[in-house]
Amino acid sequence: MLALIFITSYLVIGNLLHRVVFPEKKPAVSTWFKPGQELYSKTEGFRQTVLKQESGYVHCTLEIEPFAAGPPSHIHMGFDEVFEIESGELTVWVNGEIKKLHAGEVLRIPRGTPHKPYNETADTIRTKGPIAFPEKFAFCLVQVYGAMDRQPGFERSSQAILQMPLFQTNGFDSYLADGPPVFMQKTMGWVVVPMSRLLGYSSYYREFDPFYNQK
């Protein structure tokens, strides 16, 4: 009984302190992106160029570098992802199946579907149609890119256990496909976040914001 009271108190008080008493300071997401800005990850080999931010979404073109490893296999629960290829050959692992996309082909990955795009060729892949991300997801994606590029293997590190829940509870709708079930990853996020803040972690780091000096 005492353990239950302690856990409940920790969750309620911890999240109250995190969200209300000591809210994080970060830029306004709704006006953050400008056309021409680049979201780039050396680790993933993905370069996304902003076309526009509109109605809660950020629309980007995508270039994938030769032999790019891409992101870890992951799941989005709140939005579909669409790849329309202009040039090159994109390989996408989709729920255990390998798909090859060529120029003119389109693949829609429904929300909730495990997937991983990557480049097995020596050519740069370019998408034809824009890819639209929820603006909060795109905002956090830039931060995730910074963390991944600073620390190779970040997504499997002990730091990620404390850091990723902060990104996820702030809009980074991406969960490891080979991790615990998504509902458990979400639940653990709410449990871990108060401790993460106490230990000095944040969902926004100016050092990972390539657009800071453009504001």
N, C-alpha and C. Protein backbone atom coordinates (compact mmCIF):
# COMPACT_ATOMS: atom_id res chain seq x y z
N MET A 1 0.82 -1.21 0.00
CA MET A 1 0.00 0.00 0.00
C MET A 1 0.86 1.27 0.00
N LEU A 2 1.90 1.25 0.83
CA LEU A 2 2.80 2.40 0.90
C LEU A 2 3.50 2.60 -0.43
N ALA A 3 3.86 1.48 -1.07
CA ALA A 3 4.53 1.57 -2.37
C ALA A 3 3.61 2.22 -3.40
N LEU A 4 2.35 1.85 -3.40
CA LEU A 4 1.38 2.42 -4.33
C LEU A 4 1.21 3.92 -4.09
N ILE A 5 1.14 4.32 -2.82
CA ILE A 5 1.02 5.74 -2.48
C ILE A 5 2.25 6.51 -2.95
N PHE A 6 3.42 5.91 -2.73
CA PHE A 6 4.67 6.56 -3.15
C PHE A 6 4.71 6.74 -4.67
N ILE A 7 4.37 5.68 -5.40
CA ILE A 7 4.41 5.74 -6.87
C ILE A 7 3.41 6.78 -7.39
N THR A 8 2.20 6.76 -6.84
CA THR A 8 1.17 7.72 -7.28
C THR A 8 1.62 9.15 -6.98
N SER A 9 2.17 9.36 -5.80
CA SER A 9 2.63 10.70 -5.43
C SER A 9 3.76 11.15 -6.35
N TYR A 10 4.67 10.23 -6.65
CA TYR A 10 5.79 10.57 -7.54
C TYR A 10 5.27 10.99 -8.92
N LEU A 11 4.32 10.23 -9.47
CA LEU A 11 3.80 10.53 -10.80
C LEU A 11 3.05 11.85 -10.82
N VAL A 12 2.18 12.05 -9.85
CA VAL A 12 1.37 13.27 -9.82
C VAL A 12 2.24 14.51 -9.55
N ILE A 13 3.02 14.45 -8.49
CA ILE A 13 3.83 15.61 -8.12
C ILE A 13 4.94 15.85 -9.15
N GLY A 14 5.57 14.76 -9.59
CA GLY A 14 6.66 14.89 -10.56
C GLY A 14 6.21 15.51 -11.86
N ASN A 15 5.09 15.05 -12.41
CA ASN A 15 4.60 15.61 -13.66
C ASN A 15 4.03 17.01 -13.48
N LEU A 16 3.49 17.31 -12.29
CA LEU A 16 3.02 18.66 -12.00
C LEU A 16 4.20 19.64 -11.98
N LEU A 17 5.27 19.25 -11.32
CA LEU A 17 6.46 20.09 -11.29
C LEU A 17 7.04 20.28 -12.69
N HIS A 18 7.08 19.20 -13.48
CA HIS A 18 7.65 19.23 -14.82
C HIS A 18 6.84 20.11 -15.76
N ARG A 19 5.53 20.02 -15.72
CA ARG A 19 4.68 20.67 -16.72
C ARG A 19 4.14 22.04 -16.27
N VAL A 20 3.93 22.23 -14.97
CA VAL A 20 3.26 23.44 -14.50
C VAL A 20 4.20 24.37 -13.73
N VAL A 21 4.87 23.81 -12.74
CA VAL A 21 5.69 24.64 -11.86
C VAL A 21 6.99 25.07 -12.54
N PHE A 22 7.67 24.11 -13.19
CA PHE A 22 8.94 24.39 -13.87
C PHE A 22 8.87 23.96 -15.34
N PRO A 23 7.99 24.59 -16.13
CA PRO A 23 7.89 24.21 -17.54
C PRO A 23 9.18 24.52 -18.29
N GLU A 24 9.46 23.74 -19.32
CA GLU A 24 10.67 23.95 -20.10
C GLU A 24 10.56 25.22 -20.94
N LYS A 25 11.71 25.86 -21.15
CA LYS A 25 11.79 27.02 -22.03
C LYS A 25 12.28 26.56 -23.40
N LYS A 26 11.47 26.81 -24.41
CA LYS A 26 11.83 26.41 -25.77
C LYS A 26 11.08 27.29 -26.75
N PRO A 27 11.51 27.33 -28.01
CA PRO A 27 10.88 28.20 -29.01
C PRO A 27 9.43 27.80 -29.28
N ALA A 28 8.68 28.74 -29.85
CA ALA A 28 7.31 28.46 -30.27
C ALA A 28 7.34 27.61 -31.53
N VAL A 29 6.83 26.40 -31.43
CA VAL A 29 6.90 25.45 -32.54
C VAL A 29 6.14 25.96 -33.77
N SER A 30 5.04 26.65 -33.55
CA SER A 30 4.17 27.05 -34.66
C SER A 30 4.82 28.04 -35.62
N THR A 31 5.91 28.70 -35.20
CA THR A 31 6.59 29.66 -36.08
C THR A 31 8.07 29.32 -36.23
N TRP A 32 8.43 28.08 -35.96
CA TRP A 32 9.85 27.72 -35.88
C TRP A 32 10.48 27.50 -37.24
N PHE A 33 9.75 26.87 -38.16
CA PHE A 33 10.33 26.45 -39.43
C PHE A 33 10.16 27.51 -40.51
N LYS A 34 11.18 27.63 -41.38
CA LYS A 34 11.14 28.53 -42.52
C LYS A 34 11.58 27.76 -43.77
N PRO A 35 11.04 28.12 -44.95
CA PRO A 35 11.44 27.44 -46.19
C PRO A 35 12.96 27.49 -46.39
N GLY A 36 13.52 26.38 -46.83
CA GLY A 36 14.95 26.29 -47.10
C GLY A 36 15.77 25.74 -45.95
N GLN A 37 15.21 25.70 -44.74
CA GLN A 37 15.94 25.13 -43.61
C GLN A 37 16.12 23.63 -43.81
N GLU A 38 17.22 23.10 -43.29
CA GLU A 38 17.53 21.68 -43.46
C GLU A 38 17.53 20.94 -42.13
N LEU A 39 16.89 19.79 -42.14
CA LEU A 39 16.93 18.85 -41.03
C LEU A 39 17.87 17.74 -41.48
N TYR A 40 19.07 17.69 -40.90
CA TYR A 40 20.07 16.74 -41.40
C TYR A 40 20.62 15.87 -40.29
N SER A 41 20.75 14.59 -40.60
CA SER A 41 21.38 13.64 -39.68
C SER A 41 22.51 12.92 -40.39
N LYS A 42 23.72 13.13 -39.91
CA LYS A 42 24.87 12.41 -40.45
C LYS A 42 24.75 10.92 -40.14
N THR A 43 24.23 10.60 -38.97
CA THR A 43 24.08 9.21 -38.56
C THR A 43 23.11 8.46 -39.47
N GLU A 44 21.96 9.06 -39.75
CA GLU A 44 20.97 8.42 -40.60
C GLU A 44 21.28 8.59 -42.07
N GLY A 45 21.96 9.69 -42.43
CA GLY A 45 22.19 9.99 -43.84
C GLY A 45 20.98 10.58 -44.52
N PHE A 46 20.09 11.19 -43.75
CA PHE A 46 18.87 11.81 -44.26
C PHE A 46 19.00 13.34 -44.21
N ARG A 47 18.65 13.99 -45.33
CA ARG A 47 18.64 15.44 -45.40
C ARG A 47 17.25 15.89 -45.88
N GLN A 48 16.54 16.59 -44.99
CA GLN A 48 15.18 17.03 -45.30
C GLN A 48 15.16 18.56 -45.36
N THR A 49 14.65 19.08 -46.47
CA THR A 49 14.63 20.53 -46.69
C THR A 49 13.19 21.03 -46.58
N VAL A 50 12.99 22.02 -45.72
CA VAL A 50 11.66 22.55 -45.46
C VAL A 50 11.13 23.31 -46.67
N LEU A 51 9.91 22.98 -47.08
CA LEU A 51 9.20 23.72 -48.11
C LEU A 51 8.27 24.74 -47.49
N LYS A 52 7.54 24.31 -46.45
CA LYS A 52 6.62 25.21 -45.77
C LYS A 52 6.17 24.58 -44.46
N GLN A 53 5.69 25.42 -43.56
CA GLN A 53 5.02 24.99 -42.33
C GLN A 53 3.59 25.54 -42.40
N GLU A 54 2.63 24.65 -42.36
CA GLU A 54 1.24 25.06 -42.59
C GLU A 54 0.28 24.14 -41.89
N SER A 55 -0.71 24.72 -41.20
CA SER A 55 -1.80 23.96 -40.58
C SER A 55 -1.30 22.84 -39.66
N GLY A 56 -0.23 23.11 -38.93
CA GLY A 56 0.27 22.13 -37.97
C GLY A 56 1.21 21.10 -38.55
N TYR A 57 1.58 21.24 -39.83
CA TYR A 57 2.49 20.28 -40.47
C TYR A 57 3.68 20.99 -41.09
N VAL A 58 4.80 20.28 -41.16
CA VAL A 58 6.00 20.76 -41.83
C VAL A 58 6.19 19.89 -43.07
N HIS A 59 6.23 20.53 -44.23
CA HIS A 59 6.36 19.81 -45.50
C HIS A 59 7.81 19.90 -45.97
N CYS A 60 8.41 18.75 -46.26
CA CYS A 60 9.82 18.69 -46.61
C CYS A 60 10.07 17.82 -47.83
N THR A 61 11.14 18.14 -48.57
CA THR A 61 11.69 17.20 -49.53
C THR A 61 12.71 16.35 -48.79
N LEU A 62 13.09 15.24 -49.39
CA LEU A 62 14.01 14.32 -48.71
C LEU A 62 15.08 13.84 -49.67
N GLU A 63 16.34 13.91 -49.23
CA GLU A 63 17.47 13.29 -49.91
C GLU A 63 18.09 12.28 -48.96
N ILE A 64 18.40 11.11 -49.49
CA ILE A 64 19.02 10.06 -48.69
C ILE A 64 20.38 9.75 -49.29
N GLU A 65 21.41 9.90 -48.49
CA GLU A 65 22.77 9.75 -48.97
C GLU A 65 23.10 8.31 -49.36
N PRO A 66 24.12 8.13 -50.22
CA PRO A 66 24.54 6.77 -50.58
C PRO A 66 24.86 5.93 -49.34
N PHE A 67 24.38 4.71 -49.35
CA PHE A 67 24.62 3.74 -48.28
C PHE A 67 24.17 4.24 -46.90
N ALA A 68 23.18 5.12 -46.89
CA ALA A 68 22.66 5.65 -45.62
C ALA A 68 21.98 4.55 -44.83
N ALA A 69 22.31 4.46 -43.54
CA ALA A 69 21.74 3.42 -42.67
C ALA A 69 20.29 3.68 -42.33
N GLY A 70 19.89 4.96 -42.37
CA GLY A 70 18.52 5.30 -42.02
C GLY A 70 18.28 5.23 -40.52
N PRO A 71 17.05 5.46 -40.10
CA PRO A 71 16.71 5.43 -38.67
C PRO A 71 16.59 4.00 -38.17
N PRO A 72 16.55 3.80 -36.86
CA PRO A 72 16.22 2.46 -36.34
C PRO A 72 14.82 2.07 -36.80
N SER A 73 14.52 0.80 -36.82
CA SER A 73 13.15 0.37 -37.14
C SER A 73 12.23 0.97 -36.08
N HIS A 74 11.14 1.58 -36.54
CA HIS A 74 10.31 2.37 -35.62
C HIS A 74 8.85 2.35 -36.04
N ILE A 75 8.02 2.95 -35.18
CA ILE A 75 6.57 3.01 -35.39
C ILE A 75 6.08 4.43 -35.09
N HIS A 76 5.25 4.96 -36.00
CA HIS A 76 4.54 6.21 -35.74
C HIS A 76 3.09 5.86 -35.43
N MET A 77 2.55 6.37 -34.36
CA MET A 77 1.18 6.06 -33.99
C MET A 77 0.18 7.12 -34.44
N GLY A 78 0.65 8.33 -34.77
CA GLY A 78 -0.28 9.41 -35.05
C GLY A 78 -0.35 9.87 -36.49
N PHE A 79 0.51 9.36 -37.37
CA PHE A 79 0.47 9.81 -38.76
C PHE A 79 1.02 8.73 -39.70
N ASP A 80 0.51 8.77 -40.94
CA ASP A 80 1.03 7.90 -42.00
C ASP A 80 2.30 8.55 -42.57
N GLU A 81 3.15 7.73 -43.17
CA GLU A 81 4.35 8.26 -43.83
C GLU A 81 4.33 7.81 -45.28
N VAL A 82 4.59 8.75 -46.19
CA VAL A 82 4.51 8.47 -47.63
C VAL A 82 5.85 8.76 -48.29
N PHE A 83 6.35 7.80 -49.06
CA PHE A 83 7.56 7.98 -49.84
C PHE A 83 7.20 7.89 -51.33
N GLU A 84 7.44 8.98 -52.07
CA GLU A 84 7.27 8.99 -53.52
C GLU A 84 8.64 9.28 -54.13
N ILE A 85 9.16 8.36 -54.91
CA ILE A 85 10.55 8.43 -55.35
C ILE A 85 10.69 9.18 -56.66
N GLU A 86 11.63 10.14 -56.67
CA GLU A 86 11.96 10.84 -57.91
C GLU A 86 13.14 10.20 -58.61
N SER A 87 14.17 9.84 -57.83
CA SER A 87 15.35 9.17 -58.39
C SER A 87 15.99 8.29 -57.34
N GLY A 88 16.66 7.23 -57.81
CA GLY A 88 17.31 6.30 -56.91
C GLY A 88 16.42 5.13 -56.53
N GLU A 89 16.97 4.24 -55.73
CA GLU A 89 16.24 3.06 -55.28
C GLU A 89 16.23 3.02 -53.76
N LEU A 90 15.05 3.18 -53.19
CA LEU A 90 14.90 3.17 -51.73
C LEU A 90 14.50 1.79 -51.26
N THR A 91 15.19 1.32 -50.23
CA THR A 91 14.82 0.07 -49.59
C THR A 91 14.07 0.39 -48.30
N VAL A 92 12.94 -0.25 -48.11
CA VAL A 92 12.15 -0.02 -46.90
C VAL A 92 11.78 -1.38 -46.29
N TRP A 93 12.19 -1.57 -45.05
CA TRP A 93 11.73 -2.72 -44.28
C TRP A 93 10.38 -2.35 -43.69
N VAL A 94 9.35 -3.12 -44.01
CA VAL A 94 8.01 -2.83 -43.55
C VAL A 94 7.42 -4.07 -42.88
N ASN A 95 7.39 -4.05 -41.56
CA ASN A 95 6.76 -5.13 -40.80
C ASN A 95 7.28 -6.51 -41.20
N GLY A 96 8.60 -6.61 -41.36
CA GLY A 96 9.22 -7.89 -41.68
C GLY A 96 9.41 -8.15 -43.16
N GLU A 97 8.91 -7.28 -44.02
CA GLU A 97 9.01 -7.45 -45.47
C GLU A 97 9.88 -6.36 -46.08
N ILE A 98 10.75 -6.73 -47.02
CA ILE A 98 11.62 -5.77 -47.69
C ILE A 98 10.96 -5.31 -48.99
N LYS A 99 10.86 -3.99 -49.15
CA LYS A 99 10.29 -3.42 -50.37
C LYS A 99 11.34 -2.53 -51.04
N LYS A 100 11.38 -2.57 -52.38
CA LYS A 100 12.28 -1.74 -53.16
C LYS A 100 11.45 -0.74 -53.96
N LEU A 101 11.74 0.54 -53.80
CA LEU A 101 11.01 1.59 -54.50
C LEU A 101 11.91 2.27 -55.51
N HIS A 102 11.39 2.45 -56.72
CA HIS A 102 12.14 3.10 -57.79
C HIS A 102 11.42 4.38 -58.22
N ALA A 103 12.05 5.12 -59.13
CA ALA A 103 11.49 6.39 -59.60
C ALA A 103 10.05 6.20 -60.08
N GLY A 104 9.17 7.07 -59.59
CA GLY A 104 7.77 7.02 -59.97
C GLY A 104 6.90 6.16 -59.07
N GLU A 105 7.51 5.41 -58.16
CA GLU A 105 6.74 4.54 -57.27
C GLU A 105 6.47 5.23 -55.94
N VAL A 106 5.35 4.85 -55.33
CA VAL A 106 4.90 5.46 -54.08
C VAL A 106 4.61 4.37 -53.05
N LEU A 107 5.01 4.61 -51.82
CA LEU A 107 4.70 3.68 -50.73
C LEU A 107 4.12 4.47 -49.57
N ARG A 108 2.94 4.09 -49.14
CA ARG A 108 2.33 4.68 -47.95
C ARG A 108 2.46 3.69 -46.80
N ILE A 109 3.01 4.17 -45.70
CA ILE A 109 3.17 3.34 -44.52
C ILE A 109 2.14 3.79 -43.49
N PRO A 110 1.10 3.01 -43.25
CA PRO A 110 0.05 3.43 -42.32
C PRO A 110 0.59 3.55 -40.90
N ARG A 111 0.00 4.45 -40.16
CA ARG A 111 0.38 4.62 -38.76
C ARG A 111 0.25 3.29 -38.02
N GLY A 112 1.14 3.06 -37.09
CA GLY A 112 1.13 1.80 -36.34
C GLY A 112 1.90 0.68 -37.00
N THR A 113 2.52 0.95 -38.17
CA THR A 113 3.24 -0.09 -38.91
C THR A 113 4.74 0.03 -38.68
N PRO A 114 5.41 -1.02 -38.21
CA PRO A 114 6.86 -0.97 -38.04
C PRO A 114 7.54 -0.81 -39.40
N HIS A 115 8.55 0.06 -39.48
CA HIS A 115 9.23 0.27 -40.76
C HIS A 115 10.61 0.88 -40.54
N LYS A 116 11.40 0.82 -41.60
CA LYS A 116 12.76 1.39 -41.59
C LYS A 116 13.20 1.63 -43.03
N PRO A 117 13.32 2.89 -43.46
CA PRO A 117 13.84 3.19 -44.79
C PRO A 117 15.36 3.34 -44.77
N TYR A 118 16.03 2.90 -45.83
CA TYR A 118 17.49 3.04 -45.91
C TYR A 118 17.93 2.92 -47.36
N ASN A 119 19.20 3.17 -47.61
CA ASN A 119 19.75 3.18 -48.97
C ASN A 119 20.86 2.16 -49.08
N GLU A 120 20.66 1.15 -49.91
CA GLU A 120 21.68 0.11 -50.11
C GLU A 120 22.57 0.40 -51.32
N THR A 121 22.36 1.53 -51.99
CA THR A 121 23.06 1.81 -53.24
C THR A 121 24.07 2.94 -53.07
N ALA A 122 24.88 3.16 -54.14
CA ALA A 122 25.87 4.24 -54.15
C ALA A 122 25.28 5.53 -54.70
N ASP A 123 23.98 5.55 -54.97
CA ASP A 123 23.32 6.73 -55.52
C ASP A 123 22.54 7.48 -54.44
N THR A 124 22.41 8.79 -54.61
CA THR A 124 21.57 9.59 -53.74
C THR A 124 20.10 9.39 -54.13
N ILE A 125 19.25 9.17 -53.16
CA ILE A 125 17.82 9.01 -53.39
C ILE A 125 17.13 10.36 -53.15
N ARG A 126 16.22 10.71 -54.04
CA ARG A 126 15.44 11.94 -53.87
C ARG A 126 13.96 11.62 -53.97
N THR A 127 13.18 12.24 -53.10
CA THR A 127 11.73 12.05 -53.17
C THR A 127 11.13 13.10 -54.09
N LYS A 128 10.00 12.75 -54.68
CA LYS A 128 9.32 13.65 -55.61
C LYS A 128 8.32 14.53 -54.88
N GLY A 129 7.39 13.93 -54.19
CA GLY A 129 6.40 14.69 -53.45
C GLY A 129 6.93 15.04 -52.08
N PRO A 130 6.43 16.11 -51.47
CA PRO A 130 6.86 16.47 -50.12
C PRO A 130 6.37 15.47 -49.08
N ILE A 131 7.15 15.31 -48.05
CA ILE A 131 6.78 14.49 -46.90
C ILE A 131 6.29 15.44 -45.81
N ALA A 132 5.11 15.18 -45.26
CA ALA A 132 4.52 16.06 -44.25
C ALA A 132 4.62 15.42 -42.87
N PHE A 133 5.23 16.14 -41.94
CA PHE A 133 5.33 15.70 -40.55
C PHE A 133 4.53 16.64 -39.65
N PRO A 134 3.90 16.12 -38.61
CA PRO A 134 3.35 17.02 -37.58
C PRO A 134 4.45 17.93 -37.06
N GLU A 135 4.15 19.22 -36.85
CA GLU A 135 5.20 20.18 -36.51
C GLU A 135 5.92 19.85 -35.20
N LYS A 136 5.21 19.30 -34.22
CA LYS A 136 5.87 18.93 -32.97
C LYS A 136 6.84 17.78 -33.18
N PHE A 137 6.46 16.85 -34.07
CA PHE A 137 7.36 15.74 -34.40
C PHE A 137 8.62 16.29 -35.06
N ALA A 138 8.45 17.18 -36.06
CA ALA A 138 9.60 17.73 -36.77
C ALA A 138 10.51 18.52 -35.83
N PHE A 139 9.91 19.27 -34.91
CA PHE A 139 10.67 20.03 -33.93
C PHE A 139 11.56 19.11 -33.11
N CYS A 140 10.99 18.01 -32.62
CA CYS A 140 11.76 17.06 -31.81
C CYS A 140 12.74 16.26 -32.66
N LEU A 141 12.39 16.04 -33.94
CA LEU A 141 13.28 15.28 -34.81
C LEU A 141 14.64 15.96 -34.93
N VAL A 142 14.64 17.28 -35.02
CA VAL A 142 15.90 18.02 -35.08
C VAL A 142 16.73 17.76 -33.83
N GLN A 143 16.08 17.73 -32.68
CA GLN A 143 16.78 17.46 -31.43
C GLN A 143 17.31 16.02 -31.38
N VAL A 144 16.51 15.08 -31.86
CA VAL A 144 16.95 13.68 -31.90
C VAL A 144 18.16 13.54 -32.82
N TYR A 145 18.12 14.20 -33.97
CA TYR A 145 19.26 14.16 -34.89
C TYR A 145 20.53 14.66 -34.18
N GLY A 146 20.40 15.75 -33.43
CA GLY A 146 21.56 16.28 -32.72
C GLY A 146 22.12 15.30 -31.71
N ALA A 147 21.23 14.65 -30.97
CA ALA A 147 21.67 13.68 -29.97
C ALA A 147 22.33 12.47 -30.62
N MET A 148 21.76 12.00 -31.73
CA MET A 148 22.30 10.83 -32.41
C MET A 148 23.65 11.12 -33.03
N ASP A 149 23.81 12.31 -33.62
CA ASP A 149 25.07 12.64 -34.27
C ASP A 149 26.18 12.91 -33.25
N ARG A 150 25.81 13.40 -32.07
CA ARG A 150 26.81 13.64 -31.03
C ARG A 150 27.30 12.34 -30.41
N GLN A 151 26.42 11.36 -30.31
CA GLN A 151 26.78 10.11 -29.64
C GLN A 151 26.35 8.92 -30.49
N PRO A 152 27.26 8.34 -31.28
CA PRO A 152 26.91 7.16 -32.08
C PRO A 152 26.33 6.06 -31.19
N GLY A 153 25.26 5.44 -31.67
CA GLY A 153 24.61 4.40 -30.88
C GLY A 153 23.72 4.96 -29.79
N PHE A 154 23.41 6.25 -29.87
CA PHE A 154 22.62 6.91 -28.83
C PHE A 154 21.30 6.19 -28.57
N GLU A 155 20.61 5.74 -29.65
CA GLU A 155 19.27 5.18 -29.47
C GLU A 155 19.26 3.92 -28.61
N ARG A 156 20.41 3.28 -28.43
CA ARG A 156 20.49 2.08 -27.58
C ARG A 156 21.28 2.34 -26.30
N SER A 157 21.56 3.58 -26.02
CA SER A 157 22.39 3.91 -24.86
C SER A 157 21.56 4.11 -23.61
N SER A 158 22.25 4.16 -22.46
CA SER A 158 21.56 4.43 -21.20
C SER A 158 21.01 5.85 -21.17
N GLN A 159 21.70 6.78 -21.86
CA GLN A 159 21.21 8.15 -21.91
C GLN A 159 19.86 8.23 -22.61
N ALA A 160 19.67 7.40 -23.63
CA ALA A 160 18.41 7.42 -24.38
C ALA A 160 17.22 7.04 -23.49
N ILE A 161 17.46 6.18 -22.52
CA ILE A 161 16.38 5.75 -21.63
C ILE A 161 15.81 6.95 -20.87
N LEU A 162 16.67 7.91 -20.54
CA LEU A 162 16.23 9.11 -19.83
C LEU A 162 15.84 10.24 -20.79
N GLN A 163 16.48 10.28 -21.96
CA GLN A 163 16.24 11.40 -22.87
C GLN A 163 15.03 11.21 -23.78
N MET A 164 14.87 10.03 -24.36
CA MET A 164 13.82 9.85 -25.36
C MET A 164 12.41 10.08 -24.81
N PRO A 165 12.09 9.68 -23.57
CA PRO A 165 10.74 9.97 -23.07
C PRO A 165 10.40 11.46 -23.08
N LEU A 166 11.39 12.32 -22.85
CA LEU A 166 11.14 13.75 -22.91
C LEU A 166 10.77 14.18 -24.32
N PHE A 167 11.49 13.67 -25.31
CA PHE A 167 11.15 13.97 -26.70
C PHE A 167 9.76 13.43 -27.04
N GLN A 168 9.51 12.19 -26.63
CA GLN A 168 8.25 11.55 -27.01
C GLN A 168 7.04 12.21 -26.36
N THR A 169 7.13 12.58 -25.11
CA THR A 169 6.00 13.23 -24.46
C THR A 169 5.81 14.67 -24.94
N ASN A 170 6.77 15.19 -25.72
CA ASN A 170 6.65 16.53 -26.28
C ASN A 170 6.35 16.50 -27.78
N GLY A 171 5.98 15.32 -28.30
CA GLY A 171 5.52 15.27 -29.68
C GLY A 171 6.30 14.40 -30.62
N PHE A 172 7.38 13.77 -30.15
CA PHE A 172 8.16 12.90 -31.04
C PHE A 172 7.50 11.54 -31.13
N ASP A 173 6.58 11.43 -32.07
CA ASP A 173 5.76 10.23 -32.24
C ASP A 173 6.54 9.15 -32.98
N SER A 174 7.54 8.58 -32.31
CA SER A 174 8.35 7.52 -32.90
C SER A 174 8.80 6.59 -31.79
N TYR A 175 8.52 5.29 -31.96
CA TYR A 175 8.80 4.30 -30.92
C TYR A 175 9.54 3.12 -31.54
N LEU A 176 10.46 2.55 -30.80
CA LEU A 176 11.26 1.44 -31.31
C LEU A 176 10.37 0.26 -31.66
N ALA A 177 10.55 -0.25 -32.88
CA ALA A 177 9.73 -1.38 -33.33
C ALA A 177 10.15 -2.67 -32.64
N ASP A 178 11.42 -2.77 -32.26
CA ASP A 178 11.90 -3.99 -31.62
C ASP A 178 12.05 -3.81 -30.11
N GLY A 179 11.36 -2.80 -29.57
CA GLY A 179 11.36 -2.59 -28.13
C GLY A 179 10.09 -3.15 -27.51
N PRO A 180 9.79 -2.75 -26.30
CA PRO A 180 8.52 -3.17 -25.67
C PRO A 180 7.34 -2.66 -26.49
N PRO A 181 6.14 -3.21 -26.27
CA PRO A 181 4.96 -2.68 -26.97
C PRO A 181 4.85 -1.17 -26.78
N VAL A 182 4.30 -0.49 -27.79
CA VAL A 182 4.25 0.97 -27.79
C VAL A 182 3.56 1.51 -26.53
N PHE A 183 2.47 0.87 -26.11
CA PHE A 183 1.77 1.40 -24.93
C PHE A 183 2.66 1.35 -23.70
N MET A 184 3.56 0.35 -23.63
CA MET A 184 4.49 0.29 -22.51
C MET A 184 5.55 1.38 -22.63
N GLN A 185 6.02 1.64 -23.87
CA GLN A 185 6.99 2.71 -24.07
C GLN A 185 6.38 4.06 -23.68
N LYS A 186 5.11 4.28 -24.03
CA LYS A 186 4.44 5.52 -23.65
C LYS A 186 4.28 5.63 -22.14
N THR A 187 3.86 4.54 -21.52
CA THR A 187 3.66 4.54 -20.07
C THR A 187 4.96 4.82 -19.33
N MET A 188 6.03 4.16 -19.78
CA MET A 188 7.32 4.37 -19.14
C MET A 188 7.80 5.80 -19.31
N GLY A 189 7.39 6.43 -20.43
CA GLY A 189 7.76 7.83 -20.63
C GLY A 189 7.24 8.72 -19.53
N TRP A 190 5.97 8.54 -19.17
CA TRP A 190 5.38 9.35 -18.09
C TRP A 190 6.04 9.06 -16.75
N VAL A 191 6.52 7.84 -16.58
CA VAL A 191 7.19 7.48 -15.32
C VAL A 191 8.59 8.09 -15.26
N VAL A 192 9.29 8.07 -16.38
CA VAL A 192 10.69 8.48 -16.39
C VAL A 192 10.87 10.00 -16.44
N VAL A 193 9.95 10.72 -17.10
CA VAL A 193 10.14 12.15 -17.36
C VAL A 193 10.47 12.97 -16.11
N PRO A 194 9.74 12.84 -14.99
CA PRO A 194 10.10 13.66 -13.82
C PRO A 194 11.54 13.43 -13.36
N MET A 195 11.98 12.18 -13.38
CA MET A 195 13.35 11.88 -12.98
C MET A 195 14.35 12.47 -13.98
N SER A 196 14.00 12.40 -15.29
CA SER A 196 14.88 12.96 -16.32
C SER A 196 15.10 14.45 -16.10
N ARG A 197 14.01 15.17 -15.83
CA ARG A 197 14.14 16.61 -15.58
C ARG A 197 14.99 16.88 -14.34
N LEU A 198 14.78 16.07 -13.31
CA LEU A 198 15.54 16.24 -12.07
C LEU A 198 17.03 16.04 -12.33
N LEU A 199 17.37 15.17 -13.27
CA LEU A 199 18.77 14.88 -13.58
C LEU A 199 19.35 15.82 -14.63
N GLY A 200 18.55 16.81 -15.06
CA GLY A 200 19.07 17.83 -15.96
C GLY A 200 18.79 17.62 -17.43
N TYR A 201 17.99 16.62 -17.77
CA TYR A 201 17.64 16.39 -19.17
C TYR A 201 16.53 17.35 -19.60
N SER A 202 16.44 17.57 -20.91
CA SER A 202 15.46 18.50 -21.45
C SER A 202 14.95 17.97 -22.79
N SER A 203 13.84 18.54 -23.28
CA SER A 203 13.36 18.17 -24.61
C SER A 203 13.85 19.15 -25.67
N TYR A 204 14.57 20.19 -25.23
CA TYR A 204 15.12 21.17 -26.18
C TYR A 204 16.51 21.61 -25.74
N TYR A 205 17.49 21.49 -26.66
CA TYR A 205 18.85 21.94 -26.42
C TYR A 205 19.23 22.92 -27.52
N ARG A 206 19.60 24.13 -27.13
CA ARG A 206 19.94 25.13 -28.14
C ARG A 206 21.10 24.67 -29.02
N GLU A 207 22.01 23.88 -28.44
CA GLU A 207 23.17 23.41 -29.22
C GLU A 207 22.74 22.49 -30.37
N PHE A 208 21.55 21.89 -30.27
CA PHE A 208 21.06 21.02 -31.34
C PHE A 208 20.11 21.77 -32.29
N ASP A 209 19.95 23.06 -32.09
CA ASP A 209 19.03 23.85 -32.89
C ASP A 209 19.80 24.58 -33.98
N PRO A 210 19.82 24.03 -35.20
CA PRO A 210 20.60 24.67 -36.27
C PRO A 210 19.98 25.98 -36.75
N PHE A 211 18.75 26.24 -36.34
CA PHE A 211 18.04 27.45 -36.80
C PHE A 211 18.09 28.58 -35.77
N TYR A 212 18.75 28.36 -34.64
CA TYR A 212 18.69 29.34 -33.54
C TYR A 212 19.11 30.73 -33.98
N ASN A 213 20.20 30.82 -34.71
CA ASN A 213 20.71 32.12 -35.12
C ASN A 213 19.94 32.73 -36.29
N GLN A 214 18.97 31.96 -36.82
CA GLN A 214 18.16 32.47 -37.92
C GLN A 214 16.87 33.09 -37.41
N LYS A 215 16.61 32.98 -36.09
CA LYS A 215 15.36 33.49 -35.54
C LYS A 215 15.36 35.02 -35.46
